N, C-alpha and C. Protein backbone atom coordinates (compact mmCIF):
# COMPACT_ATOMS: atom_id res chain seq x y z
N MET A 1 -136.47 95.52 -78.43
CA MET A 1 -136.26 94.39 -78.32
C MET A 1 -134.53 94.14 -77.97
N ALA A 2 -133.99 93.05 -77.01
CA ALA A 2 -132.80 92.95 -77.20
C ALA A 2 -131.65 92.48 -78.42
N ASP A 3 -130.72 92.78 -78.54
CA ASP A 3 -129.82 92.42 -79.58
C ASP A 3 -129.61 91.02 -79.37
N ILE A 4 -129.77 90.23 -80.39
CA ILE A 4 -129.30 89.05 -80.29
C ILE A 4 -128.38 88.59 -81.53
N LYS A 5 -127.21 88.45 -80.57
CA LYS A 5 -126.36 88.37 -81.46
C LYS A 5 -126.67 86.85 -82.20
N SER A 6 -126.42 86.73 -83.60
CA SER A 6 -126.86 85.29 -84.13
C SER A 6 -125.35 84.38 -84.23
N ARG A 7 -125.26 83.32 -83.68
CA ARG A 7 -124.24 82.71 -83.85
C ARG A 7 -123.97 81.42 -84.59
N VAL A 8 -123.61 81.11 -85.49
CA VAL A 8 -123.21 80.00 -86.16
C VAL A 8 -122.55 78.53 -85.26
N HIS A 9 -123.46 77.70 -84.58
CA HIS A 9 -123.10 76.35 -84.24
C HIS A 9 -121.89 75.68 -85.31
N THR A 10 -120.81 75.83 -84.70
CA THR A 10 -120.07 74.67 -85.01
C THR A 10 -119.61 73.39 -84.29
N PRO A 11 -119.75 72.37 -85.59
CA PRO A 11 -119.70 70.82 -84.33
C PRO A 11 -118.34 70.87 -84.08
N THR A 12 -118.43 70.05 -82.85
CA THR A 12 -116.79 70.12 -81.79
C THR A 12 -115.92 69.28 -82.91
N TRP A 13 -116.35 68.26 -83.74
CA TRP A 13 -115.10 67.53 -84.60
C TRP A 13 -114.31 68.54 -85.19
N VAL A 14 -115.02 69.77 -85.74
CA VAL A 14 -114.43 70.87 -86.93
C VAL A 14 -113.55 70.83 -85.72
N SER A 15 -113.33 71.84 -84.54
CA SER A 15 -112.09 72.21 -83.99
C SER A 15 -110.97 71.25 -83.69
N GLU A 16 -111.69 69.83 -83.23
CA GLU A 16 -111.09 68.76 -83.22
C GLU A 16 -109.74 68.00 -84.69
N PHE A 17 -110.09 68.28 -85.33
CA PHE A 17 -109.86 68.06 -86.79
C PHE A 17 -108.90 69.33 -87.00
N ARG A 18 -109.98 70.48 -86.65
CA ARG A 18 -108.38 71.53 -86.98
C ARG A 18 -106.98 71.14 -86.29
N ALA A 19 -106.77 71.17 -84.71
CA ALA A 19 -106.22 70.44 -84.00
C ALA A 19 -105.50 69.29 -84.42
N PHE A 20 -105.87 68.46 -85.10
CA PHE A 20 -105.61 67.27 -85.13
C PHE A 20 -104.59 67.90 -86.74
N ILE A 21 -104.82 68.24 -87.64
CA ILE A 21 -104.56 68.92 -89.09
C ILE A 21 -102.91 69.37 -88.35
N MET A 22 -103.13 70.51 -87.45
CA MET A 22 -102.19 71.65 -87.04
C MET A 22 -100.50 70.91 -86.36
N ARG A 23 -101.24 69.52 -85.78
CA ARG A 23 -100.19 69.29 -85.20
C ARG A 23 -98.99 68.93 -85.90
N GLY A 24 -97.77 69.00 -85.64
CA GLY A 24 -96.32 69.08 -86.12
C GLY A 24 -96.04 67.58 -87.01
N ASN A 25 -96.59 66.51 -86.34
CA ASN A 25 -96.51 65.49 -87.14
C ASN A 25 -96.93 65.09 -88.27
N VAL A 26 -98.79 65.79 -88.53
CA VAL A 26 -99.13 65.55 -89.48
C VAL A 26 -98.86 66.73 -90.95
N VAL A 27 -98.64 67.84 -90.43
CA VAL A 27 -97.73 68.11 -91.34
C VAL A 27 -96.59 67.88 -92.14
N ASP A 28 -95.33 67.17 -91.02
CA ASP A 28 -94.24 67.01 -91.80
C ASP A 28 -94.54 65.18 -92.31
N LEU A 29 -95.70 65.18 -92.19
CA LEU A 29 -95.92 63.63 -93.08
C LEU A 29 -96.51 63.90 -94.05
N ALA A 30 -97.30 65.15 -94.31
CA ALA A 30 -97.64 66.01 -95.43
C ALA A 30 -96.54 66.19 -96.60
N VAL A 31 -95.74 66.88 -95.90
CA VAL A 31 -94.78 67.49 -96.76
C VAL A 31 -93.49 66.37 -97.54
N GLY A 32 -93.53 65.06 -96.44
CA GLY A 32 -92.91 63.90 -96.74
C GLY A 32 -93.49 63.05 -97.86
N VAL A 33 -94.86 63.44 -97.96
CA VAL A 33 -95.38 62.48 -99.06
C VAL A 33 -95.18 63.49 -100.33
N ILE A 34 -95.26 64.58 -100.09
CA ILE A 34 -95.37 65.28 -101.41
C ILE A 34 -93.54 64.99 -101.48
N VAL A 35 -92.83 65.63 -101.08
CA VAL A 35 -90.99 65.36 -101.13
C VAL A 35 -90.95 63.92 -101.79
N GLY A 36 -91.73 63.14 -101.43
CA GLY A 36 -91.36 61.53 -101.95
C GLY A 36 -92.06 61.45 -103.59
N ALA A 37 -93.28 61.82 -103.67
CA ALA A 37 -93.78 62.02 -104.71
C ALA A 37 -93.24 62.63 -105.98
N ALA A 38 -92.21 63.51 -105.55
CA ALA A 38 -91.45 64.70 -106.36
C ALA A 38 -90.21 63.51 -106.61
N PHE A 39 -89.87 62.86 -105.32
CA PHE A 39 -88.32 62.12 -105.73
C PHE A 39 -88.70 60.73 -106.55
N THR A 40 -89.76 60.11 -106.19
CA THR A 40 -90.57 59.12 -107.45
C THR A 40 -89.90 59.56 -108.70
N GLY A 41 -90.28 60.62 -109.05
CA GLY A 41 -89.65 60.86 -110.47
C GLY A 41 -88.59 60.90 -110.73
N ILE A 42 -87.47 61.89 -109.81
CA ILE A 42 -86.16 61.78 -110.00
C ILE A 42 -85.60 60.11 -109.94
N VAL A 43 -86.48 58.97 -109.59
CA VAL A 43 -85.75 57.46 -109.23
C VAL A 43 -86.30 57.33 -110.33
N ASN A 44 -87.28 57.17 -111.10
CA ASN A 44 -88.16 57.00 -112.06
C ASN A 44 -87.03 57.07 -113.45
N SER A 45 -86.91 58.26 -113.66
CA SER A 45 -85.86 58.95 -114.80
C SER A 45 -84.60 58.15 -114.25
N LEU A 46 -84.03 58.32 -113.48
CA LEU A 46 -82.62 57.70 -113.18
C LEU A 46 -82.42 55.77 -113.53
N VAL A 47 -83.70 55.51 -113.07
CA VAL A 47 -83.50 53.89 -113.54
C VAL A 47 -83.79 54.35 -115.14
N LYS A 48 -84.70 54.37 -115.66
CA LYS A 48 -85.12 54.53 -116.96
C LYS A 48 -84.12 54.87 -117.98
N ASP A 49 -83.62 56.29 -117.79
CA ASP A 49 -83.08 56.89 -118.64
C ASP A 49 -81.24 57.17 -118.30
N VAL A 50 -80.84 55.99 -117.09
CA VAL A 50 -79.79 55.92 -116.87
C VAL A 50 -79.08 55.06 -116.51
N PHE A 51 -79.56 54.15 -115.52
CA PHE A 51 -79.54 53.00 -115.65
C PHE A 51 -79.56 51.93 -116.31
N ASN A 52 -81.17 51.68 -116.83
CA ASN A 52 -81.73 50.81 -117.80
C ASN A 52 -80.51 50.74 -118.98
N PRO A 53 -80.09 52.00 -119.73
CA PRO A 53 -79.37 52.02 -120.86
C PRO A 53 -78.19 51.03 -120.58
N LEU A 54 -77.36 51.58 -119.59
CA LEU A 54 -76.19 50.85 -118.82
C LEU A 54 -76.20 49.43 -118.69
N ILE A 55 -77.49 49.02 -118.23
CA ILE A 55 -77.40 47.50 -117.81
C ILE A 55 -77.73 46.63 -119.29
N GLY A 56 -78.43 47.53 -120.04
CA GLY A 56 -78.52 47.11 -121.03
C GLY A 56 -77.73 46.84 -122.09
N LEU A 57 -76.55 47.44 -121.92
CA LEU A 57 -75.44 47.75 -123.21
C LEU A 57 -74.42 46.64 -122.37
N LEU A 58 -74.67 46.45 -121.01
CA LEU A 58 -73.32 45.58 -120.45
C LEU A 58 -73.84 44.16 -121.21
N ILE A 59 -75.41 43.90 -120.65
CA ILE A 59 -75.93 42.52 -121.12
C ILE A 59 -76.26 42.28 -122.36
N GLY A 60 -75.62 43.02 -123.38
CA GLY A 60 -76.05 42.52 -125.02
C GLY A 60 -77.01 43.79 -125.69
N GLY A 61 -77.16 44.84 -125.20
CA GLY A 61 -78.00 45.80 -125.77
C GLY A 61 -79.95 45.83 -125.64
N ILE A 62 -79.40 45.01 -124.54
CA ILE A 62 -81.48 44.28 -124.22
C ILE A 62 -82.14 45.95 -123.70
N ASP A 63 -83.37 46.11 -124.37
CA ASP A 63 -83.89 47.62 -124.23
C ASP A 63 -84.72 47.00 -123.02
N PHE A 64 -85.19 47.22 -121.64
CA PHE A 64 -85.28 46.87 -120.66
C PHE A 64 -87.08 46.81 -120.66
N SER A 65 -87.42 47.84 -121.40
CA SER A 65 -88.16 48.50 -121.44
C SER A 65 -89.43 47.66 -122.66
N ASN A 66 -88.96 46.88 -123.60
CA ASN A 66 -89.44 46.15 -124.55
C ASN A 66 -88.64 44.64 -124.42
N LEU A 67 -88.69 44.49 -123.03
CA LEU A 67 -88.80 42.77 -122.67
C LEU A 67 -90.17 42.51 -122.60
N PHE A 68 -90.46 41.87 -123.32
CA PHE A 68 -91.66 41.21 -122.68
C PHE A 68 -92.00 39.62 -123.55
N VAL A 69 -93.14 39.29 -122.96
CA VAL A 69 -93.63 37.72 -123.54
C VAL A 69 -94.91 37.78 -123.99
N THR A 70 -95.01 37.52 -125.24
CA THR A 70 -96.82 38.00 -125.91
C THR A 70 -96.95 36.37 -125.39
N LEU A 71 -98.22 36.10 -124.70
CA LEU A 71 -99.35 34.92 -124.42
C LEU A 71 -100.05 34.71 -125.77
N LYS A 72 -100.72 36.04 -125.80
CA LYS A 72 -102.03 35.84 -127.07
C LYS A 72 -101.86 36.96 -128.15
N GLY A 73 -101.56 36.95 -129.20
CA GLY A 73 -101.95 37.59 -130.19
C GLY A 73 -100.85 37.24 -130.71
N PRO A 74 -100.74 39.11 -131.41
CA PRO A 74 -99.47 38.84 -132.92
C PRO A 74 -98.28 39.54 -131.80
N HIS A 75 -96.85 38.65 -132.61
CA HIS A 75 -95.74 38.88 -131.72
C HIS A 75 -94.83 39.79 -132.27
N LEU A 76 -94.97 41.18 -131.95
CA LEU A 76 -94.40 42.27 -132.36
C LEU A 76 -93.09 42.54 -131.81
N ALA A 77 -92.38 43.55 -132.50
CA ALA A 77 -91.15 43.77 -131.78
C ALA A 77 -91.29 45.12 -130.92
N THR A 78 -91.92 45.66 -130.50
CA THR A 78 -91.99 46.63 -129.41
C THR A 78 -93.22 46.42 -128.59
N LEU A 79 -93.07 46.74 -127.30
CA LEU A 79 -94.17 46.52 -126.35
C LEU A 79 -95.11 47.47 -126.90
N ALA A 80 -95.20 48.42 -127.18
CA ALA A 80 -95.94 49.50 -127.35
C ALA A 80 -96.64 48.85 -128.55
N GLU A 81 -95.91 48.69 -129.46
CA GLU A 81 -96.91 47.48 -131.11
C GLU A 81 -97.62 46.68 -130.54
N ALA A 82 -96.97 46.15 -129.36
CA ALA A 82 -98.20 44.61 -128.87
C ALA A 82 -99.46 45.21 -128.31
N GLN A 83 -99.18 46.54 -127.77
CA GLN A 83 -100.31 46.92 -126.40
C GLN A 83 -101.02 47.56 -127.67
N LYS A 84 -100.71 48.02 -128.57
CA LYS A 84 -101.71 48.72 -129.32
C LYS A 84 -102.51 47.85 -130.45
N ALA A 85 -101.64 46.42 -130.89
CA ALA A 85 -102.57 45.76 -131.15
C ALA A 85 -103.44 44.22 -130.61
N GLY A 86 -103.45 44.77 -129.16
CA GLY A 86 -104.40 44.14 -128.69
C GLY A 86 -103.74 42.63 -127.86
N ALA A 87 -102.12 42.81 -127.95
CA ALA A 87 -101.27 41.46 -127.60
C ALA A 87 -102.21 41.24 -126.23
N VAL A 88 -101.75 40.12 -125.71
CA VAL A 88 -101.58 39.83 -124.23
C VAL A 88 -100.10 39.61 -123.94
N THR A 89 -99.21 40.11 -123.20
CA THR A 89 -98.33 40.45 -122.48
C THR A 89 -97.81 40.44 -121.15
N ILE A 90 -96.92 39.95 -121.10
CA ILE A 90 -95.81 39.66 -119.46
C ILE A 90 -94.82 40.78 -119.28
N ASN A 91 -95.16 41.80 -119.20
CA ASN A 91 -94.08 42.51 -119.25
C ASN A 91 -92.79 42.56 -117.96
N ILE A 92 -92.12 41.68 -118.53
CA ILE A 92 -90.84 41.61 -117.85
C ILE A 92 -90.17 42.60 -117.46
N GLY A 93 -90.11 43.26 -118.57
CA GLY A 93 -88.94 44.81 -118.78
C GLY A 93 -89.28 45.58 -117.30
N LEU A 94 -90.65 45.58 -117.44
CA LEU A 94 -91.36 46.79 -116.43
C LEU A 94 -91.38 46.66 -115.07
N PHE A 95 -91.56 45.20 -115.15
CA PHE A 95 -91.23 44.63 -113.67
C PHE A 95 -89.57 44.68 -113.20
N LEU A 96 -88.89 44.65 -114.20
CA LEU A 96 -87.20 44.65 -113.90
C LEU A 96 -87.07 46.15 -113.46
N ASN A 97 -87.92 47.15 -114.30
CA ASN A 97 -87.56 48.43 -114.26
C ASN A 97 -88.12 49.12 -112.63
N THR A 98 -89.05 48.53 -112.28
CA THR A 98 -89.69 49.00 -110.90
C THR A 98 -89.48 48.21 -109.81
N VAL A 99 -88.42 47.12 -109.87
CA VAL A 99 -87.58 46.59 -109.00
C VAL A 99 -86.20 47.37 -108.83
N ILE A 100 -85.69 47.66 -109.48
CA ILE A 100 -84.64 48.63 -109.89
C ILE A 100 -84.74 49.92 -109.02
N GLN A 101 -86.05 50.50 -109.90
CA GLN A 101 -86.36 51.98 -109.05
C GLN A 101 -86.59 51.47 -107.29
N PHE A 102 -87.25 50.51 -106.88
CA PHE A 102 -87.35 49.90 -105.68
C PHE A 102 -85.95 49.88 -104.84
N LEU A 103 -85.08 48.95 -105.34
CA LEU A 103 -83.86 48.99 -104.46
C LEU A 103 -82.88 50.46 -104.82
N ILE A 104 -83.09 51.16 -105.53
CA ILE A 104 -82.36 52.64 -105.47
C ILE A 104 -83.26 53.38 -104.95
N THR A 105 -84.37 53.64 -104.33
CA THR A 105 -85.23 54.51 -103.82
C THR A 105 -84.85 53.94 -102.31
N ALA A 106 -85.01 52.57 -101.79
CA ALA A 106 -84.78 52.06 -100.39
C ALA A 106 -83.13 52.30 -100.48
N LEU A 107 -81.98 52.13 -100.87
CA LEU A 107 -80.66 52.75 -101.02
C LEU A 107 -80.60 54.00 -100.68
N VAL A 108 -81.34 54.63 -101.25
CA VAL A 108 -81.31 56.23 -100.94
C VAL A 108 -81.37 56.71 -99.40
N ILE A 109 -82.87 56.01 -99.37
CA ILE A 109 -83.68 56.46 -98.19
C ILE A 109 -82.69 56.27 -97.03
N PHE A 110 -82.05 54.78 -96.99
CA PHE A 110 -81.35 54.13 -95.98
C PHE A 110 -80.14 55.12 -95.67
N TRP A 111 -79.18 55.51 -97.27
CA TRP A 111 -78.48 56.86 -96.60
C TRP A 111 -78.73 58.22 -95.62
N VAL A 112 -79.98 58.29 -96.40
CA VAL A 112 -81.09 59.48 -96.04
C VAL A 112 -80.75 59.59 -94.62
N VAL A 113 -81.34 58.12 -94.21
CA VAL A 113 -81.91 58.02 -92.77
C VAL A 113 -80.46 58.24 -91.86
N LYS A 114 -79.65 57.42 -92.71
CA LYS A 114 -78.14 57.46 -91.40
C LYS A 114 -77.50 58.69 -91.72
N ALA A 115 -77.53 59.22 -92.14
CA ALA A 115 -77.22 60.82 -92.02
C ALA A 115 -77.78 61.37 -91.21
N LEU A 116 -79.20 61.53 -91.19
CA LEU A 116 -80.13 62.07 -90.19
C LEU A 116 -79.84 61.89 -89.06
N THR A 117 -79.47 60.08 -89.17
CA THR A 117 -79.19 59.82 -87.65
C THR A 117 -77.97 60.05 -86.74
N ARG A 118 -76.68 60.22 -87.99
CA ARG A 118 -75.64 60.46 -87.09
C ARG A 118 -75.82 62.40 -87.29
N LEU A 119 -76.83 63.26 -87.82
CA LEU A 119 -76.94 64.15 -87.44
C LEU A 119 -77.65 64.73 -85.73
N HIS A 120 -78.33 63.69 -85.38
CA HIS A 120 -78.79 63.71 -84.29
C HIS A 120 -78.19 62.86 -83.30
N VAL A 121 -77.57 62.43 -83.94
CA VAL A 121 -76.36 61.79 -82.40
C VAL A 121 -75.60 62.87 -82.29
N ARG A 122 -74.79 63.49 -83.09
CA ARG A 122 -74.16 64.46 -83.06
C ARG A 122 -74.89 66.10 -82.11
N GLU A 123 -76.39 66.12 -82.45
CA GLU A 123 -76.92 67.22 -81.76
C GLU A 123 -76.80 66.99 -80.40
N GLU A 124 -77.05 65.31 -80.16
CA GLU A 124 -77.46 65.11 -78.97
C GLU A 124 -76.20 64.62 -77.83
N ALA A 125 -75.17 64.96 -78.80
CA ALA A 125 -73.60 64.78 -77.78
C ALA A 125 -73.01 65.91 -77.83
N ALA A 126 -73.66 67.02 -78.05
CA ALA A 126 -73.14 68.57 -77.77
C ALA A 126 -73.50 68.62 -76.70
N PRO A 127 -72.44 69.50 -75.58
CA PRO A 127 -72.75 69.47 -74.54
C PRO A 127 -73.79 70.89 -74.60
N ALA A 128 -74.96 70.41 -73.66
CA ALA A 128 -76.22 71.69 -73.40
C ALA A 128 -75.63 72.52 -71.84
N GLU A 129 -75.86 73.57 -72.00
CA GLU A 129 -75.91 74.46 -70.97
C GLU A 129 -77.03 73.76 -69.56
N PRO A 130 -76.49 74.16 -68.21
CA PRO A 130 -77.70 73.06 -67.26
C PRO A 130 -78.68 74.08 -67.38
N PRO A 131 -79.78 74.02 -66.68
CA PRO A 131 -81.20 74.79 -66.99
C PRO A 131 -80.73 75.87 -65.67
N PRO A 132 -81.34 76.70 -65.75
CA PRO A 132 -81.36 77.79 -64.77
C PRO A 132 -82.13 77.04 -63.43
N PRO A 133 -81.23 77.83 -62.42
CA PRO A 133 -82.16 77.20 -60.93
C PRO A 133 -83.48 77.57 -60.87
N THR A 134 -83.84 76.91 -60.29
CA THR A 134 -85.65 76.93 -59.46
C THR A 134 -85.28 77.69 -58.42
N LYS A 135 -86.60 78.38 -58.31
CA LYS A 135 -87.14 79.38 -57.59
C LYS A 135 -86.16 78.87 -56.11
N THR A 136 -86.84 77.14 -55.89
CA THR A 136 -86.14 76.71 -54.82
C THR A 136 -84.72 77.10 -54.37
N GLU A 137 -84.10 76.38 -55.18
CA GLU A 137 -82.86 76.59 -55.41
C GLU A 137 -82.23 78.05 -55.15
N VAL A 138 -82.54 79.13 -55.68
CA VAL A 138 -82.32 80.11 -55.22
C VAL A 138 -82.55 80.71 -54.24
N LEU A 139 -83.76 80.46 -53.35
CA LEU A 139 -83.91 80.64 -51.56
C LEU A 139 -83.04 79.97 -50.98
N LEU A 140 -82.91 78.03 -51.15
CA LEU A 140 -81.71 77.71 -50.52
C LEU A 140 -80.59 77.97 -50.68
N GLU A 141 -80.38 78.96 -51.48
CA GLU A 141 -78.82 79.20 -51.28
C GLU A 141 -78.52 80.52 -50.71
N GLN A 142 -79.68 81.50 -50.54
CA GLN A 142 -79.87 82.95 -50.55
C GLN A 142 -79.95 82.56 -48.89
N ILE A 143 -80.65 81.54 -48.10
CA ILE A 143 -80.43 80.98 -46.67
C ILE A 143 -79.09 80.96 -46.33
N ARG A 144 -78.50 79.88 -47.30
CA ARG A 144 -77.10 79.21 -46.71
C ARG A 144 -76.51 80.21 -46.28
N ASP A 145 -76.22 81.16 -47.57
CA ASP A 145 -75.02 82.63 -47.32
C ASP A 145 -75.26 83.22 -46.15
N GLU A 146 -76.81 83.69 -45.94
CA GLU A 146 -77.28 84.09 -44.83
C GLU A 146 -76.78 83.47 -43.46
N LEU A 147 -77.10 82.51 -43.66
CA LEU A 147 -76.52 81.56 -42.43
C LEU A 147 -74.66 80.97 -42.26
N ALA A 148 -74.38 81.41 -43.12
CA ALA A 148 -72.39 81.74 -43.41
C ALA A 148 -72.44 82.69 -43.02
N THR A 149 -73.04 83.83 -43.07
CA THR A 149 -72.11 84.94 -42.52
C THR A 149 -72.64 85.74 -41.23
N ARG A 150 -73.87 84.63 -40.37
CA ARG A 150 -74.15 85.28 -38.93
C ARG A 150 -73.05 84.36 -38.21
N LYS A 151 -72.46 83.30 -38.22
CA LYS A 151 -71.57 82.83 -37.26
C LYS A 151 -72.03 82.38 -36.01
N VAL A 152 -72.54 81.67 -36.16
CA VAL A 152 -73.20 81.40 -34.19
C VAL A 152 -72.20 80.95 -33.36
């Protein structure tokens, strides 16, 4: 019997998917999402641990995370206690924290994009070396030089 090599049939979509995943923009997008997730943690901490205490101090010592309205249930001092008691609340302070986080994130993204745009413009402004002559141009130059030496 002849040697028959068994081959596993791979569906065509597998190679298409592999080509799609390995494209540069998909990988860049994945990296951007991962960095964005890490950046979100930094912004959350910045808002919660730095800005909210300062803003609360400026407006009379209000802790935004405990700024809420109880709709149904016991009226307690902190949001954690109200939620533990099962009270229905409108969490105004948490919403304000989210708005502040969004504004800070948008501001930072604005400045990053602006800086990257400036770098990109500077790279384009740098003088580029002219491309080497094509074979046709080289051949035409040789013909020109040969005709110039003949002096008909």
